[in-house]
């Protein structure tokens, strides 16, 4: 039985695969040899499993084994043009987001205190007030949500300037809940307000957003 969660919304959806299978078991589920050459270049078991889980999600959620290609920036797309697509993975999970007409981004981050050590790389100056005021445990979760949100925004805006998370993206103040929305100001270089959706699970944070129209 497919081992994924599938959330749909108008025009698209998000699917997350909990990878409990080996890469060999995932390969058998995919039931095609078209990927053999690419798989031969992936020697790490975890990376092979993530790569296969993404293809399985595409095939099962979108109804057929669609080919995934990549722009020069690394942003994925479906060669048949049927959907915009985004891909992400973290420890033991892989996910896709898709939408028929709008560029979409998704990110999942495993819950860990590691984010505290890298927060200075992505925290906007305007976020410092509410982060500093939060209790330590809550601060870590806020940092993790913000990091994931900025990874998602980076994927949909897809410009070199977006790589500087500290300048490009500012997340407005909020209190973390099991799921919700974030107001993000994007400065690339003109300012655009963007909504980022987030959801918390026991293992990971998931965020997703659509490119503002």
N, C-alpha and C. Protein backbone atom coordinates (compact mmCIF):
# COMPACT_ATOMS: atom_id res chain seq x y z
N UNK A 1 0.85 -1.19 0.00
CA UNK A 1 0.00 0.00 0.00
C UNK A 1 0.88 1.24 0.00
N UNK A 2 0.55 2.26 -0.83
CA UNK A 2 1.37 3.47 -0.86
C UNK A 2 1.52 4.09 0.52
N UNK A 3 2.72 4.52 0.80
CA UNK A 3 3.05 5.00 2.14
C UNK A 3 3.21 6.51 2.13
N UNK A 4 2.12 7.23 1.73
CA UNK A 4 2.24 8.67 1.66
C UNK A 4 0.97 9.37 2.12
N UNK A 5 1.14 10.64 2.47
CA UNK A 5 0.02 11.52 2.81
C UNK A 5 -0.20 12.44 1.61
N UNK A 6 -1.47 12.72 1.31
CA UNK A 6 -1.78 13.54 0.14
C UNK A 6 -2.80 14.60 0.54
N UNK A 7 -2.39 15.86 0.44
CA UNK A 7 -3.26 16.99 0.74
C UNK A 7 -3.50 17.77 -0.54
N UNK A 8 -4.77 17.99 -0.90
CA UNK A 8 -5.08 18.71 -2.12
C UNK A 8 -5.71 20.06 -1.80
N UNK A 9 -5.58 20.97 -2.74
CA UNK A 9 -6.22 22.28 -2.68
C UNK A 9 -6.51 22.71 -4.11
N UNK A 10 -7.13 23.85 -4.28
CA UNK A 10 -7.57 24.28 -5.60
C UNK A 10 -6.39 24.36 -6.58
N UNK A 11 -6.40 23.51 -7.58
CA UNK A 11 -5.38 23.53 -8.62
C UNK A 11 -4.16 22.67 -8.37
N UNK A 12 -4.03 22.13 -7.16
CA UNK A 12 -2.82 21.36 -6.90
C UNK A 12 -2.86 20.59 -5.61
N UNK A 13 -1.67 20.29 -5.06
CA UNK A 13 -1.62 19.52 -3.83
C UNK A 13 -0.18 19.26 -3.40
N UNK A 14 -0.07 18.59 -2.27
CA UNK A 14 1.21 18.19 -1.70
C UNK A 14 1.12 16.73 -1.30
N UNK A 15 2.15 15.96 -1.59
CA UNK A 15 2.21 14.55 -1.19
C UNK A 15 3.55 14.29 -0.51
N UNK A 16 3.49 13.61 0.63
CA UNK A 16 4.69 13.32 1.42
C UNK A 16 4.81 11.82 1.62
N UNK A 17 5.95 11.27 1.26
CA UNK A 17 6.20 9.83 1.38
C UNK A 17 7.08 9.58 2.60
N UNK A 18 6.62 8.73 3.51
CA UNK A 18 7.45 8.28 4.62
C UNK A 18 8.23 7.07 4.14
N UNK A 19 9.53 7.22 3.98
CA UNK A 19 10.34 6.19 3.36
C UNK A 19 10.74 5.15 4.40
N UNK A 20 10.03 4.04 4.43
CA UNK A 20 10.38 2.92 5.28
C UNK A 20 10.94 1.75 4.47
N UNK A 21 10.84 1.87 3.14
CA UNK A 21 11.29 0.80 2.25
C UNK A 21 12.76 1.00 1.87
N UNK A 22 13.38 -0.08 1.43
CA UNK A 22 14.72 0.02 0.85
C UNK A 22 14.58 0.55 -0.57
N UNK A 23 15.69 0.99 -1.14
CA UNK A 23 15.64 1.46 -2.52
C UNK A 23 15.23 0.33 -3.47
N UNK A 24 15.60 -0.90 -3.16
CA UNK A 24 15.20 -2.03 -4.00
C UNK A 24 13.69 -2.24 -3.98
N UNK A 25 13.09 -2.10 -2.81
CA UNK A 25 11.64 -2.24 -2.70
C UNK A 25 10.92 -1.11 -3.43
N UNK A 26 11.45 0.10 -3.35
CA UNK A 26 10.86 1.22 -4.07
C UNK A 26 10.99 1.03 -5.58
N UNK A 27 12.12 0.53 -6.01
CA UNK A 27 12.35 0.28 -7.42
C UNK A 27 11.32 -0.71 -7.97
N UNK A 28 11.01 -1.74 -7.22
CA UNK A 28 10.03 -2.73 -7.64
C UNK A 28 8.64 -2.10 -7.77
N UNK A 29 8.31 -1.17 -6.89
CA UNK A 29 7.01 -0.51 -6.95
C UNK A 29 6.90 0.39 -8.18
N UNK A 30 8.01 0.98 -8.59
CA UNK A 30 7.99 1.86 -9.74
C UNK A 30 7.74 1.09 -11.03
N UNK A 31 8.23 -0.16 -11.09
CA UNK A 31 7.91 -1.07 -12.19
C UNK A 31 8.29 -0.52 -13.56
N UNK A 32 9.48 0.01 -13.69
CA UNK A 32 9.99 0.46 -14.98
C UNK A 32 11.51 0.43 -14.94
N UNK A 33 12.12 0.26 -16.12
CA UNK A 33 13.59 0.26 -16.21
C UNK A 33 14.12 1.57 -16.79
N UNK A 34 13.25 2.56 -16.99
CA UNK A 34 13.67 3.79 -17.66
C UNK A 34 14.68 4.58 -16.83
N UNK A 35 14.75 4.30 -15.53
CA UNK A 35 15.63 5.08 -14.66
C UNK A 35 16.93 4.35 -14.33
N UNK A 36 17.17 3.23 -14.92
CA UNK A 36 18.33 2.42 -14.54
C UNK A 36 19.65 3.18 -14.69
N UNK A 37 19.81 3.91 -15.78
CA UNK A 37 21.07 4.61 -16.01
C UNK A 37 21.29 5.68 -14.94
N UNK A 38 20.25 6.42 -14.61
CA UNK A 38 20.39 7.47 -13.58
C UNK A 38 20.66 6.85 -12.22
N UNK A 39 19.97 5.77 -11.90
CA UNK A 39 20.16 5.13 -10.61
C UNK A 39 21.57 4.58 -10.44
N UNK A 40 22.17 4.20 -11.54
CA UNK A 40 23.54 3.66 -11.48
C UNK A 40 24.53 4.70 -10.98
N UNK A 41 24.17 5.98 -11.09
CA UNK A 41 25.07 7.05 -10.63
C UNK A 41 24.83 7.40 -9.16
N UNK A 42 23.79 6.84 -8.57
CA UNK A 42 23.47 7.14 -7.17
C UNK A 42 23.89 5.95 -6.31
N UNK A 43 24.97 6.11 -5.58
CA UNK A 43 25.51 5.00 -4.81
C UNK A 43 25.06 5.01 -3.35
N UNK A 44 24.60 6.14 -2.85
CA UNK A 44 24.18 6.23 -1.46
C UNK A 44 22.74 5.70 -1.32
N UNK A 45 22.53 4.75 -0.43
CA UNK A 45 21.23 4.10 -0.29
C UNK A 45 20.12 5.11 0.01
N UNK A 46 20.38 6.02 0.95
CA UNK A 46 19.36 6.99 1.29
C UNK A 46 18.99 7.89 0.14
N UNK A 47 19.99 8.33 -0.62
CA UNK A 47 19.74 9.20 -1.78
C UNK A 47 18.95 8.45 -2.85
N UNK A 48 19.27 7.18 -3.08
CA UNK A 48 18.52 6.39 -4.06
C UNK A 48 17.06 6.26 -3.64
N UNK A 49 16.84 5.99 -2.35
CA UNK A 49 15.47 5.84 -1.85
C UNK A 49 14.68 7.13 -2.01
N UNK A 50 15.29 8.27 -1.69
CA UNK A 50 14.61 9.56 -1.84
C UNK A 50 14.27 9.82 -3.31
N UNK A 51 15.22 9.56 -4.17
CA UNK A 51 15.03 9.81 -5.60
C UNK A 51 13.88 8.96 -6.15
N UNK A 52 13.84 7.70 -5.75
CA UNK A 52 12.78 6.80 -6.21
C UNK A 52 11.43 7.18 -5.60
N UNK A 53 11.42 7.57 -4.33
CA UNK A 53 10.15 7.95 -3.69
C UNK A 53 9.53 9.14 -4.38
N UNK A 54 10.33 10.09 -4.82
CA UNK A 54 9.79 11.24 -5.56
C UNK A 54 9.13 10.78 -6.85
N UNK A 55 9.77 9.89 -7.59
CA UNK A 55 9.19 9.39 -8.86
C UNK A 55 7.91 8.60 -8.60
N UNK A 56 7.88 7.86 -7.51
CA UNK A 56 6.66 7.13 -7.16
C UNK A 56 5.53 8.09 -6.81
N UNK A 57 5.85 9.14 -6.09
CA UNK A 57 4.82 10.13 -5.77
C UNK A 57 4.25 10.75 -7.04
N UNK A 58 5.11 11.13 -7.96
CA UNK A 58 4.64 11.71 -9.21
C UNK A 58 3.73 10.73 -9.95
N UNK A 59 4.16 9.48 -10.06
CA UNK A 59 3.38 8.49 -10.80
C UNK A 59 2.04 8.21 -10.14
N UNK A 60 2.01 8.10 -8.81
CA UNK A 60 0.79 7.72 -8.13
C UNK A 60 -0.16 8.88 -7.91
N UNK A 61 0.38 10.06 -7.63
CA UNK A 61 -0.47 11.21 -7.37
C UNK A 61 -0.96 11.86 -8.67
N UNK A 62 -0.11 11.92 -9.67
CA UNK A 62 -0.48 12.58 -10.92
C UNK A 62 -0.97 11.61 -11.98
N UNK A 63 -0.97 10.33 -11.67
CA UNK A 63 -1.65 9.36 -12.53
C UNK A 63 -0.80 8.68 -13.58
N UNK A 64 0.45 9.10 -13.75
CA UNK A 64 1.32 8.44 -14.71
C UNK A 64 2.77 8.76 -14.38
N UNK A 65 3.68 7.98 -14.95
CA UNK A 65 5.11 8.13 -14.70
C UNK A 65 5.65 9.27 -15.55
N UNK A 66 5.52 10.50 -15.07
CA UNK A 66 5.94 11.68 -15.83
C UNK A 66 7.43 11.93 -15.65
N UNK A 67 8.06 12.42 -16.71
CA UNK A 67 9.49 12.67 -16.65
C UNK A 67 9.78 14.00 -15.96
N UNK A 68 10.70 13.98 -15.01
CA UNK A 68 11.14 15.18 -14.31
C UNK A 68 12.47 15.63 -14.92
N UNK A 69 12.53 16.90 -15.31
CA UNK A 69 13.77 17.49 -15.80
C UNK A 69 14.08 18.70 -14.92
N UNK A 70 15.20 19.37 -15.20
CA UNK A 70 15.64 20.47 -14.34
C UNK A 70 16.11 21.66 -15.15
N UNK A 71 15.69 22.86 -14.71
CA UNK A 71 16.20 24.08 -15.30
C UNK A 71 17.68 24.23 -14.91
N UNK A 72 18.36 25.18 -15.53
CA UNK A 72 19.78 25.40 -15.23
C UNK A 72 20.00 25.77 -13.77
N UNK A 73 19.00 26.38 -13.15
CA UNK A 73 19.10 26.77 -11.74
C UNK A 73 18.89 25.59 -10.79
N UNK A 74 18.43 24.46 -11.34
CA UNK A 74 18.15 23.30 -10.51
C UNK A 74 16.68 23.12 -10.19
N UNK A 75 15.84 24.08 -10.59
CA UNK A 75 14.40 23.97 -10.30
C UNK A 75 13.79 22.89 -11.20
N UNK A 76 13.04 21.93 -10.62
CA UNK A 76 12.49 20.84 -11.41
C UNK A 76 11.24 21.25 -12.20
N UNK A 77 10.99 20.53 -13.27
CA UNK A 77 9.76 20.70 -14.03
C UNK A 77 9.39 19.39 -14.70
N UNK A 78 8.12 19.24 -15.05
CA UNK A 78 7.65 18.08 -15.79
C UNK A 78 7.76 18.36 -17.27
N UNK A 79 8.34 17.44 -18.01
CA UNK A 79 8.58 17.70 -19.43
C UNK A 79 7.29 17.78 -20.23
N UNK A 80 6.20 17.20 -19.73
CA UNK A 80 4.94 17.31 -20.46
C UNK A 80 4.18 18.60 -20.14
N UNK A 81 4.70 19.40 -19.21
CA UNK A 81 4.10 20.68 -18.90
C UNK A 81 2.75 20.62 -18.22
N UNK A 82 2.37 19.46 -17.70
CA UNK A 82 1.03 19.31 -17.14
C UNK A 82 0.86 20.02 -15.80
N UNK A 83 1.94 20.13 -15.04
CA UNK A 83 1.90 20.78 -13.73
C UNK A 83 3.22 21.49 -13.48
N UNK A 84 3.17 22.56 -12.69
CA UNK A 84 4.36 23.05 -12.02
C UNK A 84 4.65 22.09 -10.87
N UNK A 85 5.94 21.91 -10.56
CA UNK A 85 6.27 20.92 -9.53
C UNK A 85 7.44 21.42 -8.67
N UNK A 86 7.45 20.99 -7.43
CA UNK A 86 8.56 21.25 -6.52
C UNK A 86 8.85 19.96 -5.77
N UNK A 87 10.11 19.78 -5.39
CA UNK A 87 10.58 18.54 -4.77
C UNK A 87 11.37 18.87 -3.51
N UNK A 88 11.23 18.04 -2.49
CA UNK A 88 12.02 18.21 -1.28
C UNK A 88 12.18 16.87 -0.58
N UNK A 89 13.17 16.76 0.27
CA UNK A 89 13.33 15.56 1.08
C UNK A 89 14.12 15.90 2.33
N UNK A 90 13.91 15.12 3.36
CA UNK A 90 14.65 15.21 4.60
C UNK A 90 14.79 13.81 5.14
N UNK A 91 15.32 13.65 6.30
CA UNK A 91 15.63 12.33 6.84
C UNK A 91 14.39 11.42 6.89
N UNK A 92 14.34 10.44 5.97
CA UNK A 92 13.25 9.47 5.98
C UNK A 92 11.98 9.91 5.28
N UNK A 93 11.99 11.06 4.64
CA UNK A 93 10.79 11.58 3.97
C UNK A 93 11.17 12.21 2.63
N UNK A 94 10.24 12.11 1.68
CA UNK A 94 10.35 12.83 0.41
C UNK A 94 8.98 13.42 0.10
N UNK A 95 8.96 14.54 -0.60
CA UNK A 95 7.69 15.20 -0.87
C UNK A 95 7.72 15.89 -2.22
N UNK A 96 6.53 16.05 -2.79
CA UNK A 96 6.35 16.87 -3.99
C UNK A 96 5.18 17.81 -3.75
N UNK A 97 5.23 18.95 -4.41
CA UNK A 97 4.08 19.85 -4.50
C UNK A 97 3.83 20.11 -5.97
N UNK A 98 2.58 20.27 -6.36
CA UNK A 98 2.26 20.45 -7.77
C UNK A 98 1.08 21.41 -7.91
N UNK A 99 1.04 22.12 -9.03
CA UNK A 99 -0.07 23.03 -9.31
C UNK A 99 -0.21 23.16 -10.82
N UNK A 100 -1.44 23.27 -11.28
CA UNK A 100 -1.69 23.29 -12.72
C UNK A 100 -1.23 24.57 -13.39
N UNK A 101 -1.32 25.71 -12.71
CA UNK A 101 -1.10 26.98 -13.40
C UNK A 101 -0.11 27.92 -12.74
N UNK A 102 0.30 27.67 -11.50
CA UNK A 102 1.13 28.61 -10.76
C UNK A 102 2.38 27.89 -10.24
N UNK A 103 3.52 28.57 -10.31
CA UNK A 103 4.74 28.00 -9.76
C UNK A 103 4.58 27.78 -8.26
N UNK A 104 4.99 26.63 -7.78
CA UNK A 104 4.79 26.24 -6.39
C UNK A 104 6.11 25.79 -5.78
N UNK A 105 6.25 25.99 -4.49
CA UNK A 105 7.43 25.52 -3.78
C UNK A 105 7.04 24.77 -2.53
N UNK A 106 7.85 23.79 -2.15
CA UNK A 106 7.60 23.02 -0.93
C UNK A 106 8.94 22.69 -0.28
N UNK A 107 8.93 22.60 1.05
CA UNK A 107 10.13 22.21 1.77
C UNK A 107 9.72 21.44 3.02
N UNK A 108 10.50 20.44 3.38
CA UNK A 108 10.34 19.76 4.65
C UNK A 108 11.69 19.72 5.35
N UNK A 109 11.67 19.96 6.66
CA UNK A 109 12.88 19.98 7.47
C UNK A 109 12.66 19.12 8.70
N UNK A 110 13.58 18.18 8.92
CA UNK A 110 13.51 17.32 10.09
C UNK A 110 13.68 18.16 11.36
N UNK A 111 12.89 17.89 12.37
CA UNK A 111 12.94 18.67 13.60
C UNK A 111 14.22 18.33 14.37
N UNK A 112 15.04 19.37 14.57
CA UNK A 112 16.34 19.19 15.21
C UNK A 112 16.81 20.54 15.74
N UNK A 113 17.61 20.52 16.78
CA UNK A 113 18.17 21.75 17.32
C UNK A 113 19.31 22.28 16.46
N UNK A 114 19.70 21.55 15.42
CA UNK A 114 20.78 22.00 14.53
C UNK A 114 20.48 23.38 13.97
N UNK A 115 19.21 23.71 13.80
CA UNK A 115 18.84 24.99 13.22
C UNK A 115 19.39 26.15 14.04
N UNK A 116 19.55 25.96 15.34
CA UNK A 116 20.06 27.05 16.19
C UNK A 116 21.47 27.47 15.78
N UNK A 117 22.25 26.53 15.28
CA UNK A 117 23.65 26.81 14.94
C UNK A 117 23.77 27.54 13.60
N UNK A 118 22.74 27.48 12.78
CA UNK A 118 22.82 28.12 11.46
C UNK A 118 21.84 29.27 11.31
N UNK A 119 21.14 29.61 12.39
CA UNK A 119 20.11 30.65 12.31
C UNK A 119 20.67 31.98 11.82
N UNK A 120 21.92 32.27 12.16
CA UNK A 120 22.51 33.55 11.74
C UNK A 120 22.64 33.65 10.23
N UNK A 121 22.56 32.54 9.54
CA UNK A 121 22.70 32.55 8.08
C UNK A 121 21.41 32.94 7.37
N UNK A 122 20.27 32.82 8.05
CA UNK A 122 19.01 33.08 7.35
C UNK A 122 18.07 34.04 8.07
N UNK A 123 18.41 34.49 9.27
CA UNK A 123 17.51 35.34 10.05
C UNK A 123 17.59 36.80 9.62
N UNK A 124 16.46 37.36 9.23
CA UNK A 124 16.35 38.77 8.86
C UNK A 124 16.36 39.61 10.12
N UNK A 125 16.90 40.83 10.04
CA UNK A 125 16.98 41.68 11.23
C UNK A 125 15.61 41.96 11.84
N UNK A 126 14.58 42.02 11.01
CA UNK A 126 13.23 42.31 11.52
C UNK A 126 12.65 41.15 12.31
N UNK A 127 13.21 39.96 12.19
CA UNK A 127 12.70 38.78 12.90
C UNK A 127 13.29 38.65 14.31
N UNK A 128 14.34 39.42 14.58
CA UNK A 128 15.07 39.25 15.84
C UNK A 128 14.18 39.51 17.05
N UNK A 129 13.29 40.51 16.99
CA UNK A 129 12.50 40.90 18.16
C UNK A 129 11.63 39.75 18.65
N UNK A 130 10.86 39.12 17.75
CA UNK A 130 9.98 38.05 18.23
C UNK A 130 10.75 36.76 18.50
N UNK A 131 11.87 36.55 17.82
CA UNK A 131 12.68 35.36 18.13
C UNK A 131 13.34 35.50 19.50
N UNK A 132 13.88 36.67 19.79
CA UNK A 132 14.54 36.87 21.08
C UNK A 132 13.56 36.82 22.24
N UNK A 133 12.32 37.24 22.00
CA UNK A 133 11.31 37.27 23.07
C UNK A 133 10.70 35.90 23.35
N UNK A 134 10.88 34.94 22.45
CA UNK A 134 10.26 33.63 22.60
C UNK A 134 11.04 32.77 23.58
N UNK A 135 10.35 31.91 24.34
CA UNK A 135 11.05 30.92 25.18
C UNK A 135 11.96 30.05 24.33
N UNK A 136 12.99 29.50 24.92
CA UNK A 136 14.01 28.78 24.16
C UNK A 136 13.44 27.68 23.28
N UNK A 137 12.56 26.83 23.82
CA UNK A 137 12.01 25.72 23.03
C UNK A 137 11.17 26.23 21.88
N UNK A 138 10.38 27.27 22.13
CA UNK A 138 9.56 27.84 21.07
C UNK A 138 10.42 28.54 20.02
N UNK A 139 11.51 29.17 20.48
CA UNK A 139 12.39 29.86 19.55
C UNK A 139 12.96 28.89 18.52
N UNK A 140 13.36 27.72 18.97
CA UNK A 140 13.90 26.73 18.04
C UNK A 140 12.88 26.36 16.98
N UNK A 141 11.61 26.17 17.37
CA UNK A 141 10.59 25.83 16.40
C UNK A 141 10.33 27.00 15.44
N UNK A 142 10.31 28.22 15.95
CA UNK A 142 10.15 29.39 15.09
C UNK A 142 11.28 29.47 14.07
N UNK A 143 12.50 29.24 14.52
CA UNK A 143 13.63 29.26 13.60
C UNK A 143 13.50 28.19 12.52
N UNK A 144 13.05 27.02 12.92
CA UNK A 144 12.91 25.92 11.97
C UNK A 144 11.83 26.22 10.94
N UNK A 145 10.70 26.75 11.40
CA UNK A 145 9.63 27.12 10.46
C UNK A 145 10.12 28.20 9.51
N UNK A 146 10.80 29.22 10.05
CA UNK A 146 11.30 30.30 9.20
C UNK A 146 12.29 29.80 8.16
N UNK A 147 13.19 28.92 8.59
CA UNK A 147 14.16 28.36 7.65
C UNK A 147 13.46 27.60 6.53
N UNK A 148 12.51 26.76 6.90
CA UNK A 148 11.78 26.00 5.89
C UNK A 148 11.00 26.93 4.96
N UNK A 149 10.37 27.95 5.53
CA UNK A 149 9.61 28.90 4.72
C UNK A 149 10.51 29.60 3.70
N UNK A 150 11.72 29.95 4.11
CA UNK A 150 12.62 30.64 3.21
C UNK A 150 13.17 29.70 2.13
N UNK A 151 13.35 28.43 2.47
CA UNK A 151 13.71 27.45 1.44
C UNK A 151 12.61 27.35 0.39
N UNK A 152 11.36 27.35 0.85
CA UNK A 152 10.22 27.30 -0.07
C UNK A 152 10.18 28.55 -0.95
N UNK A 153 10.36 29.72 -0.36
CA UNK A 153 10.34 30.96 -1.13
C UNK A 153 11.47 31.01 -2.15
N UNK A 154 12.63 30.53 -1.75
CA UNK A 154 13.77 30.48 -2.66
C UNK A 154 13.43 29.65 -3.91
N UNK A 155 12.71 28.57 -3.70
CA UNK A 155 12.37 27.69 -4.82
C UNK A 155 11.40 28.35 -5.79
N UNK A 156 10.46 29.13 -5.29
CA UNK A 156 9.48 29.69 -6.23
C UNK A 156 9.98 30.97 -6.89
N UNK A 157 10.84 31.75 -6.21
CA UNK A 157 11.35 32.96 -6.84
C UNK A 157 12.55 32.67 -7.73
N UNK A 158 13.38 31.69 -7.38
CA UNK A 158 14.37 31.11 -8.28
C UNK A 158 15.26 32.15 -8.95
N UNK A 159 15.85 33.04 -8.14
CA UNK A 159 16.82 34.01 -8.64
C UNK A 159 18.06 33.97 -7.77
N UNK A 160 19.23 34.34 -8.29
CA UNK A 160 20.45 34.32 -7.47
C UNK A 160 20.33 35.16 -6.21
N UNK A 161 19.64 36.31 -6.30
CA UNK A 161 19.51 37.18 -5.13
C UNK A 161 18.75 36.51 -4.00
N UNK A 162 17.89 35.56 -4.33
CA UNK A 162 17.10 34.87 -3.30
C UNK A 162 17.95 33.98 -2.42
N UNK A 163 19.18 33.71 -2.81
CA UNK A 163 20.04 32.83 -2.02
C UNK A 163 20.46 33.47 -0.71
N UNK A 164 20.39 34.80 -0.60
CA UNK A 164 20.71 35.47 0.66
C UNK A 164 19.44 35.60 1.47
N UNK A 165 19.12 34.58 2.24
CA UNK A 165 17.86 34.53 2.98
C UNK A 165 17.73 35.68 3.98
N UNK A 166 18.84 36.18 4.50
CA UNK A 166 18.80 37.24 5.52
C UNK A 166 18.27 38.55 4.95
N UNK A 167 18.46 38.75 3.66
CA UNK A 167 18.05 40.00 3.01
C UNK A 167 16.79 39.82 2.19
N UNK A 168 16.68 38.70 1.48
CA UNK A 168 15.60 38.50 0.52
C UNK A 168 14.24 38.27 1.17
N UNK A 169 14.22 37.63 2.34
CA UNK A 169 12.95 37.21 2.94
C UNK A 169 12.85 37.61 4.40
N UNK A 170 11.72 38.20 4.77
CA UNK A 170 11.45 38.55 6.17
C UNK A 170 10.09 37.97 6.55
N UNK A 171 10.07 37.12 7.58
CA UNK A 171 8.84 36.48 8.05
C UNK A 171 8.25 37.32 9.18
N UNK A 172 6.98 37.70 9.06
CA UNK A 172 6.33 38.48 10.08
C UNK A 172 6.12 37.70 11.37
N UNK A 173 5.89 38.42 12.46
CA UNK A 173 5.71 37.80 13.78
C UNK A 173 4.51 36.87 13.80
N UNK A 174 4.64 35.75 14.52
CA UNK A 174 3.54 34.77 14.64
C UNK A 174 3.83 33.87 15.83
N UNK A 175 2.81 33.16 16.27
CA UNK A 175 2.96 32.13 17.29
C UNK A 175 2.76 30.77 16.63
N UNK A 176 3.69 29.83 16.80
CA UNK A 176 3.59 28.55 16.09
C UNK A 176 2.41 27.72 16.56
N UNK A 177 1.67 27.17 15.61
CA UNK A 177 0.58 26.24 15.87
C UNK A 177 0.83 24.99 15.06
N UNK A 178 -0.08 24.03 15.11
CA UNK A 178 0.11 22.80 14.34
C UNK A 178 0.10 23.07 12.84
N UNK A 179 -0.66 24.05 12.43
CA UNK A 179 -0.63 24.48 11.04
C UNK A 179 -1.11 25.92 10.96
N UNK A 180 -0.67 26.62 9.95
CA UNK A 180 -1.05 28.02 9.83
C UNK A 180 -0.45 28.66 8.60
N UNK A 181 -0.51 29.99 8.57
CA UNK A 181 0.02 30.77 7.46
C UNK A 181 0.99 31.82 7.99
N UNK A 182 2.01 32.11 7.20
CA UNK A 182 3.00 33.12 7.52
C UNK A 182 2.92 34.24 6.49
N UNK A 183 3.09 35.47 6.95
CA UNK A 183 3.21 36.61 6.04
C UNK A 183 4.69 36.86 5.80
N UNK A 184 5.12 36.74 4.57
CA UNK A 184 6.53 36.91 4.22
C UNK A 184 6.70 38.09 3.28
N UNK A 185 7.60 39.00 3.63
CA UNK A 185 7.94 40.09 2.73
C UNK A 185 9.16 39.68 1.93
N UNK A 186 9.00 39.70 0.62
CA UNK A 186 10.07 39.29 -0.29
C UNK A 186 10.65 40.54 -0.94
N UNK A 187 11.96 40.73 -0.87
CA UNK A 187 12.63 41.91 -1.42
C UNK A 187 13.64 41.47 -2.47
N UNK A 188 13.22 41.46 -3.75
CA UNK A 188 14.08 40.94 -4.82
C UNK A 188 14.02 41.79 -6.11
N UNK A 189 14.39 43.02 -6.15
CA UNK A 189 14.62 43.92 -5.02
C UNK A 189 13.35 44.63 -4.57
N UNK A 190 12.33 44.69 -5.46
CA UNK A 190 11.07 45.31 -5.06
C UNK A 190 10.37 44.39 -4.06
N UNK A 191 9.52 44.96 -3.23
CA UNK A 191 8.88 44.21 -2.17
C UNK A 191 7.57 43.56 -2.64
N UNK A 192 7.42 42.30 -2.30
CA UNK A 192 6.22 41.53 -2.62
C UNK A 192 5.78 40.78 -1.38
N UNK A 193 4.51 40.87 -1.03
CA UNK A 193 4.00 40.12 0.10
C UNK A 193 3.57 38.73 -0.36
N UNK A 194 4.02 37.71 0.35
CA UNK A 194 3.74 36.32 -0.03
C UNK A 194 3.24 35.55 1.18
N UNK A 195 2.29 34.67 0.97
CA UNK A 195 1.77 33.81 2.03
C UNK A 195 2.44 32.44 1.96
N UNK A 196 2.98 32.01 3.09
CA UNK A 196 3.58 30.68 3.19
C UNK A 196 2.75 29.85 4.16
N UNK A 197 2.34 28.68 3.74
CA UNK A 197 1.58 27.76 4.59
C UNK A 197 2.54 26.81 5.29
N UNK A 198 2.23 26.46 6.53
CA UNK A 198 3.10 25.52 7.24
C UNK A 198 2.26 24.51 8.03
N UNK A 199 2.87 23.36 8.27
CA UNK A 199 2.25 22.29 9.06
C UNK A 199 3.35 21.58 9.83
N UNK A 200 3.06 21.24 11.08
CA UNK A 200 4.02 20.55 11.93
C UNK A 200 3.60 19.11 12.13
N UNK A 201 4.56 18.21 12.07
CA UNK A 201 4.34 16.81 12.41
C UNK A 201 5.33 16.46 13.51
N UNK A 202 5.22 15.29 14.13
CA UNK A 202 6.20 14.93 15.16
C UNK A 202 7.64 14.89 14.66
N UNK A 203 7.83 14.62 13.37
CA UNK A 203 9.18 14.46 12.82
C UNK A 203 9.69 15.67 12.05
N UNK A 204 8.80 16.43 11.42
CA UNK A 204 9.28 17.46 10.50
C UNK A 204 8.32 18.65 10.42
N UNK A 205 8.86 19.73 9.87
CA UNK A 205 8.09 20.91 9.47
C UNK A 205 7.93 20.86 7.96
N UNK A 206 6.73 21.16 7.49
CA UNK A 206 6.48 21.26 6.06
C UNK A 206 5.96 22.65 5.74
N UNK A 207 6.51 23.30 4.73
CA UNK A 207 6.02 24.59 4.28
C UNK A 207 5.79 24.54 2.77
N UNK A 208 4.83 25.34 2.31
CA UNK A 208 4.61 25.44 0.87
C UNK A 208 4.02 26.81 0.54
N UNK A 209 4.22 27.25 -0.69
CA UNK A 209 3.72 28.55 -1.13
C UNK A 209 3.58 28.57 -2.64
N UNK A 210 2.73 29.46 -3.12
CA UNK A 210 2.55 29.71 -4.55
C UNK A 210 3.19 31.05 -4.90
N UNK A 211 3.73 31.16 -6.10
CA UNK A 211 4.29 32.41 -6.56
C UNK A 211 3.16 33.43 -6.69
N UNK A 212 3.27 34.59 -6.04
CA UNK A 212 2.19 35.59 -6.13
C UNK A 212 1.94 36.00 -7.58
N UNK A 213 0.67 36.16 -7.91
CA UNK A 213 0.29 36.52 -9.28
C UNK A 213 -0.03 38.01 -9.39
